[in-house]
Protein backbone atom coordinates (compact mmCIF):
# COMPACT_ATOMS: atom_id res chain seq x y z
CA MET A 1 89.38 179.62 190.87
CA LYS A 2 92.22 180.49 189.76
CA VAL A 3 91.51 181.12 185.92
CA LEU A 4 87.63 182.80 186.86
CA PRO A 5 89.47 186.48 187.09
CA TYR A 6 91.61 186.14 183.63
CA PHE A 7 88.21 185.45 181.71
CA HIS A 8 87.26 189.22 181.70
CA PRO A 9 90.60 190.57 180.68
CA PHE A 10 90.76 188.25 177.85
CA TRP A 11 87.41 189.32 176.59
CA GLN A 12 87.87 192.33 176.99
CA SER A 13 91.73 192.27 175.35
CA ILE A 14 89.43 191.04 172.03
CA ALA A 15 86.37 193.52 172.61
CA PHE A 16 89.61 196.59 172.22
CA CYS A 17 91.22 194.61 169.51
CA THR A 18 87.77 194.99 167.62
CA GLY A 19 87.40 198.46 168.53
CA VAL A 20 90.94 199.49 167.57
CA TYR A 21 90.16 197.74 164.13
CA ASN A 22 86.69 199.72 164.04
CA ALA A 23 88.61 202.85 164.74
CA PHE A 24 91.43 202.26 162.30
CA MET A 25 88.84 201.68 159.46
CA GLY A 26 86.88 204.69 160.85
CA ILE A 27 89.82 206.95 160.65
CA THR A 28 91.64 206.04 157.33
CA ARG A 29 88.96 204.99 155.55
CA LYS A 30 90.70 201.94 154.56
CA GLY A 31 88.27 198.93 153.78
CA PHE A 32 85.49 201.02 154.81
CA THR A 33 82.27 200.30 153.92
CA LEU A 34 79.32 201.85 156.03
CA THR A 35 77.73 198.32 156.84
CA ARG A 36 81.56 197.19 157.84
CA HIS A 37 82.00 200.08 159.86
CA ARG A 38 78.32 199.89 161.66
CA ASN A 39 78.52 195.97 162.24
CA VAL A 40 82.07 195.96 163.59
CA GLY A 41 81.19 199.18 166.17
CA LEU A 42 77.87 197.17 167.39
CA VAL A 43 79.85 193.78 167.82
CA TYR A 44 82.54 196.09 169.82
CA TYR A 45 80.03 198.12 171.70
CA LEU A 46 78.20 194.61 172.46
CA MET A 47 81.32 192.82 173.45
CA THR A 48 81.90 195.86 175.78
CA CYS A 49 78.80 195.67 177.88
CA ILE A 50 78.87 191.84 177.86
CA GLY A 51 82.58 192.22 179.40
CA LEU A 52 80.88 195.21 181.77
CA ALA A 53 78.42 192.62 182.83
CA GLY A 54 80.97 189.57 183.35
CA GLY A 55 83.10 191.68 185.14
CA SER A 56 80.49 192.55 187.95
CA VAL A 57 79.40 188.49 187.76
CA ILE A 58 82.96 187.31 188.45
CA THR A 59 83.27 190.04 190.99
CA GLU A 60 80.64 188.95 192.70
CA VAL A 61 81.52 185.49 192.68
CA LEU A 62 85.02 185.73 193.83
CA GLU A 63 83.67 187.77 196.40
CA SER A 64 81.43 184.91 197.69
CA LYS A 65 84.31 182.74 198.05
CA GLY A 66 86.09 185.12 200.05
CA ILE A 67 88.48 186.89 197.55
CA ARG A 68 87.74 190.59 197.98
CA ILE A 69 88.36 192.62 194.85
CA GLU A 70 87.89 196.51 195.10
CA MET A 71 87.10 197.58 191.71
CA GLY A 72 85.08 200.91 192.35
CA ILE A 73 86.91 202.90 189.98
CA HIS A 74 87.11 200.26 187.60
CA LEU A 75 83.92 199.75 187.43
CA MET A 76 82.89 203.57 187.49
CA ILE A 77 84.95 204.16 184.21
CA GLY A 78 83.81 200.84 182.38
CA ILE A 79 80.23 202.51 183.15
CA THR A 80 81.39 205.97 181.69
CA ILE A 81 82.47 204.00 178.59
CA VAL A 82 79.33 202.54 178.17
CA ILE A 83 77.68 205.84 178.42
CA LEU A 84 79.78 207.19 175.82
CA PHE A 85 78.89 204.07 173.55
CA ILE A 86 75.35 205.09 173.48
CA ILE A 87 76.49 208.74 172.96
CA ALA A 88 78.67 207.97 170.01
CA GLY A 89 76.04 204.65 169.01
CA THR A 90 73.05 207.27 168.65
CA LEU A 91 75.08 209.98 166.95
CA GLY A 92 76.16 207.08 164.68
CA PHE A 93 72.36 206.02 163.97
CA LEU A 94 71.41 210.18 163.52
CA MET A 95 74.46 210.53 160.83
CA LEU A 96 72.34 207.18 158.89
CA ALA A 97 68.91 208.79 159.57
CA ASP A 98 69.88 212.28 158.06
CA PRO A 99 72.81 212.48 155.75
CA ALA A 100 72.72 216.24 156.06
CA LYS A 101 74.12 216.06 159.64
CA ILE A 102 77.09 214.10 158.80
CA VAL A 103 79.36 217.16 158.45
CA LYS A 104 78.71 218.22 162.23
CA LEU A 105 78.24 214.78 163.80
CA ARG A 106 80.73 212.89 162.38
CA PRO A 107 83.93 214.70 164.29
CA ILE A 108 81.93 214.05 167.30
CA HIS A 109 81.18 210.71 166.98
CA LYS A 110 84.86 210.03 166.02
CA TRP A 111 86.19 212.17 168.97
CA ILE A 112 83.65 210.55 171.58
CA ASN A 113 84.68 206.88 170.34
CA LEU A 114 88.25 208.03 170.51
CA THR A 115 88.34 209.09 174.13
CA SER A 116 86.22 205.88 174.88
CA LEU A 117 89.13 203.89 173.48
CA VAL A 118 91.71 205.95 175.45
CA LEU A 119 89.70 204.94 178.35
CA PHE A 120 89.65 201.49 177.63
CA PHE A 121 93.14 201.40 177.20
CA PHE A 122 93.91 202.55 180.70
CA GLN A 123 91.29 200.30 181.98
CA GLY A 124 93.02 197.61 180.88
CA LEU A 125 96.34 198.97 182.31
CA TYR A 126 94.67 199.36 185.98
CA GLY A 127 92.78 195.88 185.63
CA TYR A 128 96.55 194.48 184.87
CA PHE A 129 98.16 195.83 187.59
CA TYR A 130 94.98 195.23 189.65
CA LEU A 131 94.89 191.43 188.58
CA ALA A 132 99.02 191.34 189.20
CA THR A 133 98.05 191.98 193.27
CA LEU A 134 95.82 188.84 193.32
């Protein structure tokens, strides 16, 4: 049981690094191809959603073993990040469907994803400090 709480942060750290790489690629255009950016973005979104589900499962398992974990705010911000992903991903697909909208939608797509990355970073700090109390 001692290693179980560390699976979620490890997985989410890899997901965060994937998101940072994709943001770097999208902003700087270094190594950018639309296919690569889209695929890495989808992997990032998927990894984060799996991490959200995995964190919830781990919390339930630990609580069933008598280890009390209060992650209400952490969970709510995680859900907010996933909602931002849905919006940003939808904008990405709208840009693919109608290239005329790229000029209007790209900045919104970029800022939503950067906001989610900043929230993700603070989620990591919150989780780290919380994990240190266990």
